[in-house]
Amino acid sequence: MHFDLVDMRLFVAVAETRSITRGAERSALALASASERIKGMEAALGVALLERQRRGVRLTAAGESLLDHARIVLHQVAAMQGELTAYARGLKARIHMLANTSGATEHLPKVLASFLAKHPSISLDVEERESAEIAVALASGAADIGIAVEAMLPEGLERFSFCDDRLVLVTSMHDEIAGRRQIRFANVAERDFIGLAEGSALQAHLAGQAAKLGVRLRMRARMKSFDAICQMAEAGVGVAVIPEAAARRYRRSMQIKVVRMADAWASRRLAICMRSKPSLPKPVQQLADHLKLFAKP
């Protein structure tokens, strides 16, 4: 079965005018060509679509069903053409942004929400990646803009500092290290951990740090959010490493202890990064300017 858009438009025109002749005229087709197309559709479907009468045609039950579907298809095609035309004219845009876990969950949502409210014609896709992967993707043109750990960005990318992003250890109030003000990752690396699901950029980063110590993290539970992780830590299931901003928020409502980590990699600065700004599409430049307004020195 094969119908093209010309067939669809012709059939709708014939159905609405109740005449193959007038339908052909509306579709700018010769009568013979229109008749052959209708016959071809009926042959492909194996069912009559029209009842030929002395003063025109009448739709069969199958024809009524096809008319409903044809109108839906043509409406969707028109919507698609309109949207793509808007993109071509610069009236709509979609930005592809890459972010590490902390950026995507803690530092960007409110800022991006205010940007989208100001620019209703712009859409945004935020994809979570590790900082090193973000740099490569931006350099290759696979994404428009990103937020990543500043120390991991190569010289070729334009960037500006955005905010601090310290990683901290979260435990229950009754944990043996709950009274510590600071601890090294090596001192807890062999304990039971609670973390995010596989594929998380933060989880991959922590696994990499453990590997440098010759340790494989022992994951007692993998959860989908920092909220769920903190609930597990509160119950004493294990310890967790999460962004300090999230830990402080959940500490207000949970019995958890936040312990700073002495490792240099736990104290980091996030930066907004991109290719040369003048070479970027205007919507991406607008997003970069908006993010700069919220940068914290």
C-alpha atoms as a PDB file:
ATOM      1  CA  MET A   1       0.000   0.000   0.000  1.00  0.00           C
ATOM      2  CA  HIS A   2       1.484   3.326  -1.068  1.00  0.00           C
ATOM      3  CA  PHE A   3      -0.238   6.706  -0.997  1.00  0.00           C
ATOM      4  CA  ASP A   4       1.465  10.049  -1.515  1.00  0.00           C
ATOM      5  CA  LEU A   5       0.345  13.468  -0.344  1.00  0.00           C
ATOM      6  CA  VAL A   6      -1.141  14.234  -3.761  1.00  0.00           C
ATOM      7  CA  ASP A   7      -3.427  11.206  -3.352  1.00  0.00           C
ATOM      8  CA  MET A   8      -4.418  12.351   0.128  1.00  0.00           C
ATOM      9  CA  ARG A   9      -5.190  15.918  -0.938  1.00  0.00           C
ATOM     10  CA  LEU A  10      -7.119  14.704  -3.986  1.00  0.00           C
ATOM     11  CA  PHE A  11      -9.241  12.303  -1.955  1.00  0.00           C
ATOM     12  CA  VAL A  12     -10.109  14.992   0.599  1.00  0.00           C
ATOM     13  CA  ALA A  13     -11.030  17.388  -2.213  1.00  0.00           C
ATOM     14  CA  VAL A  14     -13.239  14.771  -3.916  1.00  0.00           C
ATOM     15  CA  ALA A  15     -14.901  13.901  -0.603  1.00  0.00           C
ATOM     16  CA  GLU A  16     -15.604  17.527   0.231  1.00  0.00           C
ATOM     17  CA  THR A  17     -16.946  18.447  -3.224  1.00  0.00           C
ATOM     18  CA  ARG A  18     -18.665  15.051  -3.734  1.00  0.00           C
ATOM     19  CA  SER A  19     -17.284  15.134  -7.267  1.00  0.00           C
ATOM     20  CA  ILE A  20     -14.168  13.688  -8.911  1.00  0.00           C
ATOM     21  CA  THR A  21     -14.308  16.470 -11.505  1.00  0.00           C
ATOM     22  CA  ARG A  22     -14.414  19.304  -8.964  1.00  0.00           C
ATOM     23  CA  GLY A  23     -11.916  17.489  -6.730  1.00  0.00           C
ATOM     24  CA  ALA A  24      -9.510  17.258  -9.658  1.00  0.00           C
ATOM     25  CA  GLU A  25      -9.940  20.971 -10.364  1.00  0.00           C
ATOM     26  CA  ARG A  26      -9.273  21.883  -6.732  1.00  0.00           C
ATOM     27  CA  SER A  27      -6.169  19.683  -6.769  1.00  0.00           C
ATOM     28  CA  ALA A  28      -4.937  21.099 -10.103  1.00  0.00           C
ATOM     29  CA  LEU A  29      -5.053  17.664 -11.735  1.00  0.00           C
ATOM     30  CA  ALA A  30      -6.455  16.516 -15.049  1.00  0.00           C
ATOM     31  CA  LEU A  31      -9.696  14.546 -14.658  1.00  0.00           C
ATOM     32  CA  ALA A  32      -8.161  11.401 -16.189  1.00  0.00           C
ATOM     33  CA  SER A  33      -5.192  11.576 -13.829  1.00  0.00           C
ATOM     34  CA  ALA A  34      -7.457  12.119 -10.819  1.00  0.00           C
ATOM     35  CA  SER A  35      -9.655   9.158 -11.781  1.00  0.00           C
ATOM     36  CA  GLU A  36      -6.601   6.907 -12.134  1.00  0.00           C
ATOM     37  CA  ARG A  37      -5.315   7.957  -8.740  1.00  0.00           C
ATOM     38  CA  ILE A  38      -8.639   7.176  -7.055  1.00  0.00           C
ATOM     39  CA  LYS A  39      -8.779   3.783  -8.772  1.00  0.00           C
ATOM     40  CA  GLY A  40      -5.183   3.111  -7.715  1.00  0.00           C
ATOM     41  CA  MET A  41      -6.033   3.849  -4.085  1.00  0.00           C
ATOM     42  CA  GLU A  42      -9.039   1.526  -4.203  1.00  0.00           C
ATOM     43  CA  ALA A  43      -6.934  -1.204  -5.826  1.00  0.00           C
ATOM     44  CA  ALA A  44      -4.195  -0.836  -3.221  1.00  0.00           C
ATOM     45  CA  LEU A  45      -6.723  -1.037  -0.386  1.00  0.00           C
ATOM     46  CA  GLY A  46      -8.822  -3.737  -1.995  1.00  0.00           C
ATOM     47  CA  VAL A  47     -12.026  -1.884  -1.163  1.00  0.00           C
ATOM     48  CA  ALA A  48     -14.268   0.672  -2.839  1.00  0.00           C
ATOM     49  CA  LEU A  49     -13.903   4.185  -1.452  1.00  0.00           C
ATOM     50  CA  LEU A  50     -16.539   5.921  -3.571  1.00  0.00           C
ATOM     51  CA  GLU A  51     -19.937   5.058  -4.963  1.00  0.00           C
ATOM     52  CA  ARG A  52     -20.268   6.613  -8.401  1.00  0.00           C
ATOM     53  CA  GLN A  53     -23.655   8.265  -8.863  1.00  0.00           C
ATOM     54  CA  ARG A  54     -25.290  10.254 -11.653  1.00  0.00           C
ATOM     55  CA  ARG A  55     -24.594  13.559  -9.966  1.00  0.00           C
ATOM     56  CA  GLY A  56     -21.246  12.896  -8.342  1.00  0.00           C
ATOM     57  CA  VAL A  57     -19.927  10.437  -5.810  1.00  0.00           C
ATOM     58  CA  ARG A  58     -20.754   9.300  -2.265  1.00  0.00           C
ATOM     59  CA  LEU A  59     -18.250   7.962   0.265  1.00  0.00           C
ATOM     60  CA  THR A  60     -18.485   4.347   1.317  1.00  0.00           C
ATOM     61  CA  ALA A  61     -17.858   3.400   4.956  1.00  0.00           C
ATOM     62  CA  ALA A  62     -14.227   2.714   4.015  1.00  0.00           C
ATOM     63  CA  GLY A  63     -14.091   6.081   2.279  1.00  0.00           C
ATOM     64  CA  GLU A  64     -15.353   7.865   5.401  1.00  0.00           C
ATOM     65  CA  SER A  65     -12.660   6.154   7.452  1.00  0.00           C
ATOM     66  CA  LEU A  66      -9.958   7.094   4.942  1.00  0.00           C
ATOM     67  CA  LEU A  67     -11.180  10.691   4.927  1.00  0.00           C
ATOM     68  CA  ASP A  68     -10.691  10.944   8.701  1.00  0.00           C
ATOM     69  CA  HIS A  69      -7.152   9.576   8.466  1.00  0.00           C
ATOM     70  CA  ALA A  70      -6.274  11.676   5.422  1.00  0.00           C
ATOM     71  CA  ARG A  71      -7.306  14.873   7.185  1.00  0.00           C
ATOM     72  CA  ILE A  72      -5.175  13.952  10.205  1.00  0.00           C
ATOM     73  CA  VAL A  73      -2.150  13.202   8.006  1.00  0.00           C
ATOM     74  CA  LEU A  74      -2.512  16.450   6.041  1.00  0.00           C
ATOM     75  CA  HIS A  75      -2.947  18.440   9.237  1.00  0.00           C
ATOM     76  CA  GLN A  76       0.226  16.926  10.699  1.00  0.00           C
ATOM     77  CA  VAL A  77       2.152  17.607   7.480  1.00  0.00           C
ATOM     78  CA  ALA A  78       0.973  21.228   7.508  1.00  0.00           C
ATOM     79  CA  ALA A  79       2.008  21.575  11.162  1.00  0.00           C
ATOM     80  CA  MET A  80       5.410  20.078  10.369  1.00  0.00           C
ATOM     81  CA  GLN A  81       5.938  22.429   7.436  1.00  0.00           C
ATOM     82  CA  GLY A  82       4.915  25.425   9.514  1.00  0.00           C
ATOM     83  CA  GLU A  83       7.261  24.525  12.346  1.00  0.00           C
ATOM     84  CA  LEU A  84      10.215  23.818  10.056  1.00  0.00           C
ATOM     85  CA  THR A  85       9.579  27.052   8.173  1.00  0.00           C
ATOM     86  CA  ALA A  86       9.661  28.882  11.495  1.00  0.00           C
ATOM     87  CA  TYR A  87      13.025  27.291  12.259  1.00  0.00           C
ATOM     88  CA  ALA A  88      14.335  28.233   8.798  1.00  0.00           C
ATOM     89  CA  ARG A  89      13.308  31.866   9.329  1.00  0.00           C
ATOM     90  CA  GLY A  90      14.879  31.977  12.753  1.00  0.00           C
ATOM     91  CA  LEU A  91      11.500  32.305  14.474  1.00  0.00           C
ATOM     92  CA  LYS A  92      12.139  29.094  16.428  1.00  0.00           C
ATOM     93  CA  ALA A  93      15.309  27.508  17.726  1.00  0.00           C
ATOM     94  CA  ARG A  94      16.400  24.488  19.739  1.00  0.00           C
ATOM     95  CA  ILE A  95      19.553  24.579  21.849  1.00  0.00           C
ATOM     96  CA  HIS A  96      21.451  21.420  22.772  1.00  0.00           C
ATOM     97  CA  MET A  97      23.179  21.881  26.130  1.00  0.00           C
ATOM     98  CA  LEU A  98      25.489  19.461  27.929  1.00  0.00           C
ATOM     99  CA  ALA A  99      25.897  19.484  31.714  1.00  0.00           C
ATOM    100  CA  ASN A 100      27.557  17.448  34.406  1.00  0.00           C
ATOM    101  CA  THR A 101      25.277  16.019  37.101  1.00  0.00           C
ATOM    102  CA  SER A 102      25.602  18.943  39.510  1.00  0.00           C
ATOM    103  CA  GLY A 103      25.010  21.497  36.793  1.00  0.00           C
ATOM    104  CA  ALA A 104      21.965  19.716  35.425  1.00  0.00           C
ATOM    105  CA  THR A 105      20.284  19.079  38.778  1.00  0.00           C
ATOM    106  CA  GLU A 106      21.430  21.853  41.116  1.00  0.00           C
ATOM    107  CA  HIS A 107      22.687  24.959  39.353  1.00  0.00           C
ATOM    108  CA  LEU A 108      20.809  25.263  36.055  1.00  0.00           C
ATOM    109  CA  PRO A 109      17.053  24.580  36.439  1.00  0.00           C
ATOM    110  CA  LYS A 110      15.963  27.975  37.814  1.00  0.00           C
ATOM    111  CA  VAL A 111      18.309  29.910  35.551  1.00  0.00           C
ATOM    112  CA  LEU A 112      17.177  28.034  32.457  1.00  0.00           C
ATOM    113  CA  ALA A 113      13.529  28.413  33.448  1.00  0.00           C
ATOM    114  CA  SER A 114      13.880  32.199  33.535  1.00  0.00           C
ATOM    115  CA  PHE A 115      15.625  32.156  30.145  1.00  0.00           C
ATOM    116  CA  LEU A 116      12.879  30.062  28.528  1.00  0.00           C
ATOM    117  CA  ALA A 117      10.213  32.331  30.026  1.00  0.00           C
ATOM    118  CA  LYS A 118      11.872  35.306  28.299  1.00  0.00           C
ATOM    119  CA  HIS A 119      12.285  33.448  24.991  1.00  0.00           C
ATOM    120  CA  PRO A 120       9.113  31.432  24.217  1.00  0.00           C
ATOM    121  CA  SER A 121      10.313  30.583  20.696  1.00  0.00           C
ATOM    122  CA  ILE A 122      13.425  28.779  21.983  1.00  0.00           C
ATOM    123  CA  SER A 123      13.439  25.145  23.130  1.00  0.00           C
ATOM    124  CA  LEU A 124      16.190  23.516  25.136  1.00  0.00           C
ATOM    125  CA  ASP A 125      17.551  19.985  25.485  1.00  0.00           C
ATOM    126  CA  VAL A 126      19.871  19.389  28.466  1.00  0.00           C
ATOM    127  CA  GLU A 127      21.904  16.186  28.290  1.00  0.00           C
ATOM    128  CA  GLU A 128      23.992  14.888  31.174  1.00  0.00           C
ATOM    129  CA  ARG A 129      27.644  14.101  30.407  1.00  0.00           C
ATOM    130  CA  GLU A 130      30.976  13.937  32.219  1.00  0.00           C
ATOM    131  CA  SER A 131      32.994  17.147  32.025  1.00  0.00           C
ATOM    132  CA  ALA A 132      35.703  15.633  29.810  1.00  0.00           C
ATOM    133  CA  GLU A 133      33.071  14.372  27.365  1.00  0.00           C
ATOM    134  CA  ILE A 134      31.399  17.780  27.312  1.00  0.00           C
ATOM    135  CA  ALA A 135      34.608  19.454  26.155  1.00  0.00           C
ATOM    136  CA  VAL A 136      35.051  16.968  23.308  1.00  0.00           C
ATOM    137  CA  ALA A 137      31.420  17.230  22.198  1.00  0.00           C
ATOM    138  CA  LEU A 138      31.501  21.025  22.112  1.00  0.00           C
ATOM    139  CA  ALA A 139      34.779  21.122  20.204  1.00  0.00           C
ATOM    140  CA  SER A 140      33.366  18.743  17.577  1.00  0.00           C
ATOM    141  CA  GLY A 141      30.124  20.694  17.187  1.00  0.00           C
ATOM    142  CA  ALA A 142      27.951  17.913  18.630  1.00  0.00           C
ATOM    143  CA  ALA A 143      26.382  20.365  21.118  1.00  0.00           C
ATOM    144  CA  ASP A 144      25.915  24.118  21.398  1.00  0.00           C
ATOM    145  CA  ILE A 145      26.910  25.032  24.949  1.00  0.00           C
ATOM    146  CA  GLY A 146      27.816  23.288  28.193  1.00  0.00           C
ATOM    147  CA  ILE A 147      28.533  23.564  31.895  1.00  0.00           C
ATOM    148  CA  ALA A 148      31.490  21.542  33.162  1.00  0.00           C
ATOM    149  CA  VAL A 149      34.293  21.463  35.718  1.00  0.00           C
ATOM    150  CA  GLU A 150      36.510  24.359  34.680  1.00  0.00           C
ATOM    151  CA  ALA A 151      39.789  22.557  35.371  1.00  0.00           C
ATOM    152  CA  MET A 152      38.871  19.882  32.805  1.00  0.00           C
ATOM    153  CA  LEU A 153      38.278  22.255  29.894  1.00  0.00           C
ATOM    154  CA  PRO A 154      40.896  22.575  27.122  1.00  0.00           C
ATOM    155  CA  GLU A 155      42.288  25.929  26.048  1.00  0.00           C
ATOM    156  CA  GLY A 156      40.425  25.947  22.741  1.00  0.00           C
ATOM    157  CA  LEU A 157      36.996  26.462  24.284  1.00  0.00           C
ATOM    158  CA  GLU A 158      35.611  29.842  25.259  1.00  0.00           C
ATOM    159  CA  ARG A 159      34.343  29.852  28.843  1.00  0.00           C
ATOM    160  CA  PHE A 160      33.455  31.904  31.886  1.00  0.00           C
ATOM    161  CA  SER A 161      33.288  30.833  35.533  1.00  0.00           C
ATOM    162  CA  PHE A 162      29.768  30.155  36.756  1.00  0.00           C
ATOM    163  CA  CYS A 163      29.732  28.810  40.322  1.00  0.00           C
ATOM    164  CA  ASP A 164      31.498  26.703  42.940  1.00  0.00           C
ATOM    165  CA  ASP A 165      30.461  23.063  43.108  1.00  0.00           C
ATOM    166  CA  ARG A 166      31.892  21.281  46.139  1.00  0.00           C
ATOM    167  CA  LEU A 167      31.250  17.564  46.589  1.00  0.00           C
ATOM    168  CA  VAL A 168      30.603  16.382  50.151  1.00  0.00           C
ATOM    169  CA  LEU A 169      30.055  13.134  51.974  1.00  0.00           C
ATOM    170  CA  VAL A 170      26.597  12.455  53.422  1.00  0.00           C
ATOM    171  CA  THR A 171      26.064   9.979  56.272  1.00  0.00           C
ATOM    172  CA  SER A 172      23.499   9.191  58.943  1.00  0.00           C
ATOM    173  CA  MET A 173      23.696  11.122  62.224  1.00  0.00           C
ATOM    174  CA  HIS A 174      24.819   7.908  63.945  1.00  0.00           C
ATOM    175  CA  ASP A 175      27.643   7.016  61.570  1.00  0.00           C
ATOM    176  CA  GLU A 176      31.126   6.659  63.045  1.00  0.00           C
ATOM    177  CA  ILE A 177      32.397   9.557  60.928  1.00  0.00           C
ATOM    178  CA  ALA A 178      29.415  11.844  61.582  1.00  0.00           C
ATOM    179  CA  GLY A 179      31.470  13.878  64.057  1.00  0.00           C
ATOM    180  CA  ARG A 180      34.265  14.563  61.585  1.00  0.00           C
ATOM    181  CA  ARG A 181      34.522  17.990  59.962  1.00  0.00           C
ATOM    182  CA  GLN A 182      36.542  16.674  57.028  1.00  0.00           C
ATOM    183  CA  ILE A 183      37.643  13.337  55.609  1.00  0.00           C
ATOM    184  CA  ARG A 184      39.542  11.978  52.636  1.00  0.00           C
ATOM    185  CA  PHE A 185      37.789   9.834  50.049  1.00  0.00           C
ATOM    186  CA  ALA A 186      40.388   7.088  50.564  1.00  0.00           C
ATOM    187  CA  ASN A 187      39.172   6.644  54.136  1.00  0.00           C
ATOM    188  CA  VAL A 188      35.642   5.722  53.021  1.00  0.00           C
ATOM    189  CA  ALA A 189      36.184   4.294  49.525  1.00  0.00           C
ATOM    190  CA  GLU A 190      35.759   0.694  50.677  1.00  0.00           C
ATOM    191  CA  ARG A 191      32.507   1.292  52.548  1.00  0.00           C
ATOM    192  CA  ASP A 192      28.967   0.651  51.283  1.00  0.00           C
ATOM    193  CA  PHE A 193      27.850   3.486  49.014  1.00  0.00           C
ATOM    194  CA  ILE A 194      24.535   4.867  47.844  1.00  0.00           C
ATOM    195  CA  GLY A 195      24.666   6.503  44.435  1.00  0.00           C
ATOM    196  CA  LEU A 196      22.847   7.464  41.294  1.00  0.00           C
ATOM    197  CA  ALA A 197      21.858   5.036  38.571  1.00  0.00           C
ATOM    198  CA  GLU A 198      24.449   3.825  36.075  1.00  0.00           C
ATOM    199  CA  GLY A 199      25.056   6.347  33.334  1.00  0.00           C
ATOM    200  CA  SER A 200      25.194   9.269  35.744  1.00  0.00           C
ATOM    201  CA  ALA A 201      28.135  11.574  35.101  1.00  0.00           C
ATOM    202  CA  LEU A 202      28.734  12.050  38.834  1.00  0.00           C
ATOM    203  CA  GLN A 203      28.692   8.321  39.466  1.00  0.00           C
ATOM    204  CA  ALA A 204      31.195   7.723  36.671  1.00  0.00           C
ATOM    205  CA  HIS A 205      33.429  10.440  38.153  1.00  0.00           C
ATOM    206  CA  LEU A 206      33.361   8.832  41.606  1.00  0.00           C
ATOM    207  CA  ALA A 207      34.074   5.406  40.146  1.00  0.00           C
ATOM    208  CA  GLY A 208      37.086   6.897  38.386  1.00  0.00           C
ATOM    209  CA  GLN A 209      38.415   8.410  41.609  1.00  0.00           C
ATOM    210  CA  ALA A 210      37.978   5.068  43.373  1.00  0.00           C
ATOM    211  CA  ALA A 211      39.832   3.301  40.553  1.00  0.00           C
ATOM    212  CA  LYS A 212      42.809   5.603  41.102  1.00  0.00           C
ATOM    213  CA  LEU A 213      42.908   4.235  44.654  1.00  0.00           C
ATOM    214  CA  GLY A 214      42.712   0.667  43.358  1.00  0.00           C
ATOM    215  CA  VAL A 215      39.189   0.291  44.721  1.00  0.00           C
ATOM    216  CA  ARG A 216      35.897  -0.609  43.110  1.00  0.00           C
ATOM    217  CA  LEU A 217      32.981   1.176  44.751  1.00  0.00           C
ATOM    218  CA  ARG A 218      30.634  -1.179  46.570  1.00  0.00           C
ATOM    219  CA  MET A 219      27.196   0.110  45.619  1.00  0.00           C
ATOM    220  CA  ARG A 220      24.595  -0.900  48.169  1.00  0.00           C
ATOM    221  CA  ALA A 221      21.828   1.015  46.419  1.00  0.00           C
ATOM    222  CA  ARG A 222      21.391   3.060  43.242  1.00  0.00           C
ATOM    223  CA  MET A 223      18.698   5.710  43.309  1.00  0.00           C
ATOM    224  CA  LYS A 224      17.257   8.199  40.820  1.00  0.00           C
ATOM    225  CA  SER A 225      17.627  11.425  42.828  1.00  0.00           C
ATOM    226  CA  PHE A 226      19.698  13.102  45.530  1.00  0.00           C
ATOM    227  CA  ASP A 227      16.557  13.191  47.676  1.00  0.00           C
ATOM    228  CA  ALA A 228      16.301   9.387  47.590  1.00  0.00           C
ATOM    229  CA  ILE A 229      20.039   9.028  48.199  1.00  0.00           C
ATOM    230  CA  CYS A 230      19.830  11.193  51.328  1.00  0.00           C
ATOM    231  CA  GLN A 231      16.881   9.193  52.630  1.00  0.00           C
ATOM    232  CA  MET A 232      18.986   6.030  52.298  1.00  0.00           C
ATOM    233  CA  ALA A 233      21.937   7.695  54.025  1.00  0.00           C
ATOM    234  CA  GLU A 234      19.634   8.893  56.820  1.00  0.00           C
ATOM    235  CA  ALA A 235      18.579   5.279  57.402  1.00  0.00           C
ATOM    236  CA  GLY A 236      22.210   4.170  57.656  1.00  0.00           C
ATOM    237  CA  VAL A 237      22.234   2.110  54.446  1.00  0.00           C
ATOM    238  CA  GLY A 238      25.574   3.576  53.392  1.00  0.00           C
ATOM    239  CA  VAL A 239      27.432   6.801  52.664  1.00  0.00           C
ATOM    240  CA  ALA A 240      27.098   9.004  49.592  1.00  0.00           C
ATOM    241  CA  VAL A 241      28.950  11.749  47.752  1.00  0.00           C
ATOM    242  CA  ILE A 242      26.689  14.487  46.401  1.00  0.00           C
ATOM    243  CA  PRO A 243      26.913  18.234  45.616  1.00  0.00           C
ATOM    244  CA  GLU A 244      27.039  20.416  48.739  1.00  0.00           C
ATOM    245  CA  ALA A 245      24.107  22.510  47.475  1.00  0.00           C
ATOM    246  CA  ALA A 246      21.874  19.425  47.477  1.00  0.00           C
ATOM    247  CA  ALA A 247      23.205  18.176  50.816  1.00  0.00           C
ATOM    248  CA  ARG A 248      22.448  21.491  52.528  1.00  0.00           C
ATOM    249  CA  ARG A 249      18.920  21.504  51.148  1.00  0.00           C
ATOM    250  CA  TYR A 250      18.083  18.011  52.369  1.00  0.00           C
ATOM    251  CA  ARG A 251      19.790  18.532  55.712  1.00  0.00           C
ATOM    252  CA  ARG A 252      16.956  20.924  56.636  1.00  0.00           C
ATOM    253  CA  SER A 253      14.410  18.106  56.568  1.00  0.00           C
ATOM    254  CA  MET A 254      16.476  14.953  57.218  1.00  0.00           C
ATOM    255  CA  GLN A 255      18.665  13.642  59.995  1.00  0.00           C
ATOM    256  CA  ILE A 256      21.856  13.514  57.935  1.00  0.00           C
ATOM    257  CA  LYS A 257      25.397  14.682  58.530  1.00  0.00           C
ATOM    258  CA  VAL A 258      27.390  16.526  55.877  1.00  0.00           C
ATOM    259  CA  VAL A 259      31.152  15.972  55.999  1.00  0.00           C
ATOM    260  CA  ARG A 260      33.497  17.925  53.750  1.00  0.00           C
ATOM    261  CA  MET A 261      36.065  16.017  51.699  1.00  0.00           C
ATOM    262  CA  ALA A 262      39.736  16.947  51.821  1.00  0.00           C
ATOM    263  CA  ASP A 263      40.475  15.767  48.267  1.00  0.00           C
ATOM    264  CA  ALA A 264      41.352  18.498  45.768  1.00  0.00           C
ATOM    265  CA  TRP A 265      38.970  17.058  43.159  1.00  0.00           C
ATOM    266  CA  ALA A 266      36.016  17.514  45.539  1.00  0.00           C
ATOM    267  CA  SER A 267      36.404  21.327  45.506  1.00  0.00           C
ATOM    268  CA  ARG A 268      35.780  22.460  41.968  1.00  0.00           C
ATOM    269  CA  ARG A 269      34.493  25.367  39.920  1.00  0.00           C
ATOM    270  CA  LEU A 270      31.947  25.010  37.164  1.00  0.00           C
ATOM    271  CA  ALA A 271      32.204  27.040  33.985  1.00  0.00           C
ATOM    272  CA  ILE A 272      29.921  27.750  31.049  1.00  0.00           C
ATOM    273  CA  CYS A 273      31.768  26.667  27.932  1.00  0.00           C
ATOM    274  CA  MET A 274      31.232  26.925  24.184  1.00  0.00           C
ATOM    275  CA  ARG A 275      33.015  27.323  20.887  1.00  0.00           C
ATOM    276  CA  SER A 276      33.911  30.858  19.817  1.00  0.00           C
ATOM    277  CA  LYS A 277      30.847  32.861  20.810  1.00  0.00           C
ATOM    278  CA  PRO A 278      30.645  34.989  17.615  1.00  0.00           C
ATOM    279  CA  SER A 279      30.405  31.769  15.560  1.00  0.00           C
ATOM    280  CA  LEU A 280      27.392  30.472  17.509  1.00  0.00           C
ATOM    281  CA  PRO A 281      23.736  30.911  16.485  1.00  0.00           C
ATOM    282  CA  LYS A 282      22.076  33.955  18.035  1.00  0.00           C
ATOM    283  CA  PRO A 283      19.858  31.926  20.453  1.00  0.00           C
ATOM    284  CA  VAL A 284      22.964  30.239  21.913  1.00  0.00           C
ATOM    285  CA  GLN A 285      24.628  33.621  22.329  1.00  0.00           C
ATOM    286  CA  GLN A 286      21.496  34.859  24.099  1.00  0.00           C
ATOM    287  CA  LEU A 287      21.624  31.879  26.471  1.00  0.00           C
ATOM    288  CA  ALA A 288      25.315  32.503  27.215  1.00  0.00           C
ATOM    289  CA  ASP A 289      24.580  36.172  27.997  1.00  0.00           C
ATOM    290  CA  HIS A 290      21.702  35.130  30.262  1.00  0.00           C
ATOM    291  CA  LEU A 291      23.834  32.608  32.158  1.00  0.00           C
ATOM    292  CA  LYS A 292      26.551  35.204  32.667  1.00  0.00           C
ATOM    293  CA  LEU A 293      24.054  37.347  34.593  1.00  0.00           C
ATOM    294  CA  PHE A 294      23.782  34.548  37.198  1.00  0.00           C
ATOM    295  CA  ALA A 295      27.515  33.743  37.436  1.00  0.00           C
ATOM    296  CA  LYS A 296      28.826  33.813  40.993  1.00  0.00           C
ATOM    297  CA  PRO A 297      32.348  35.244  41.442  1.00  0.00           C
END
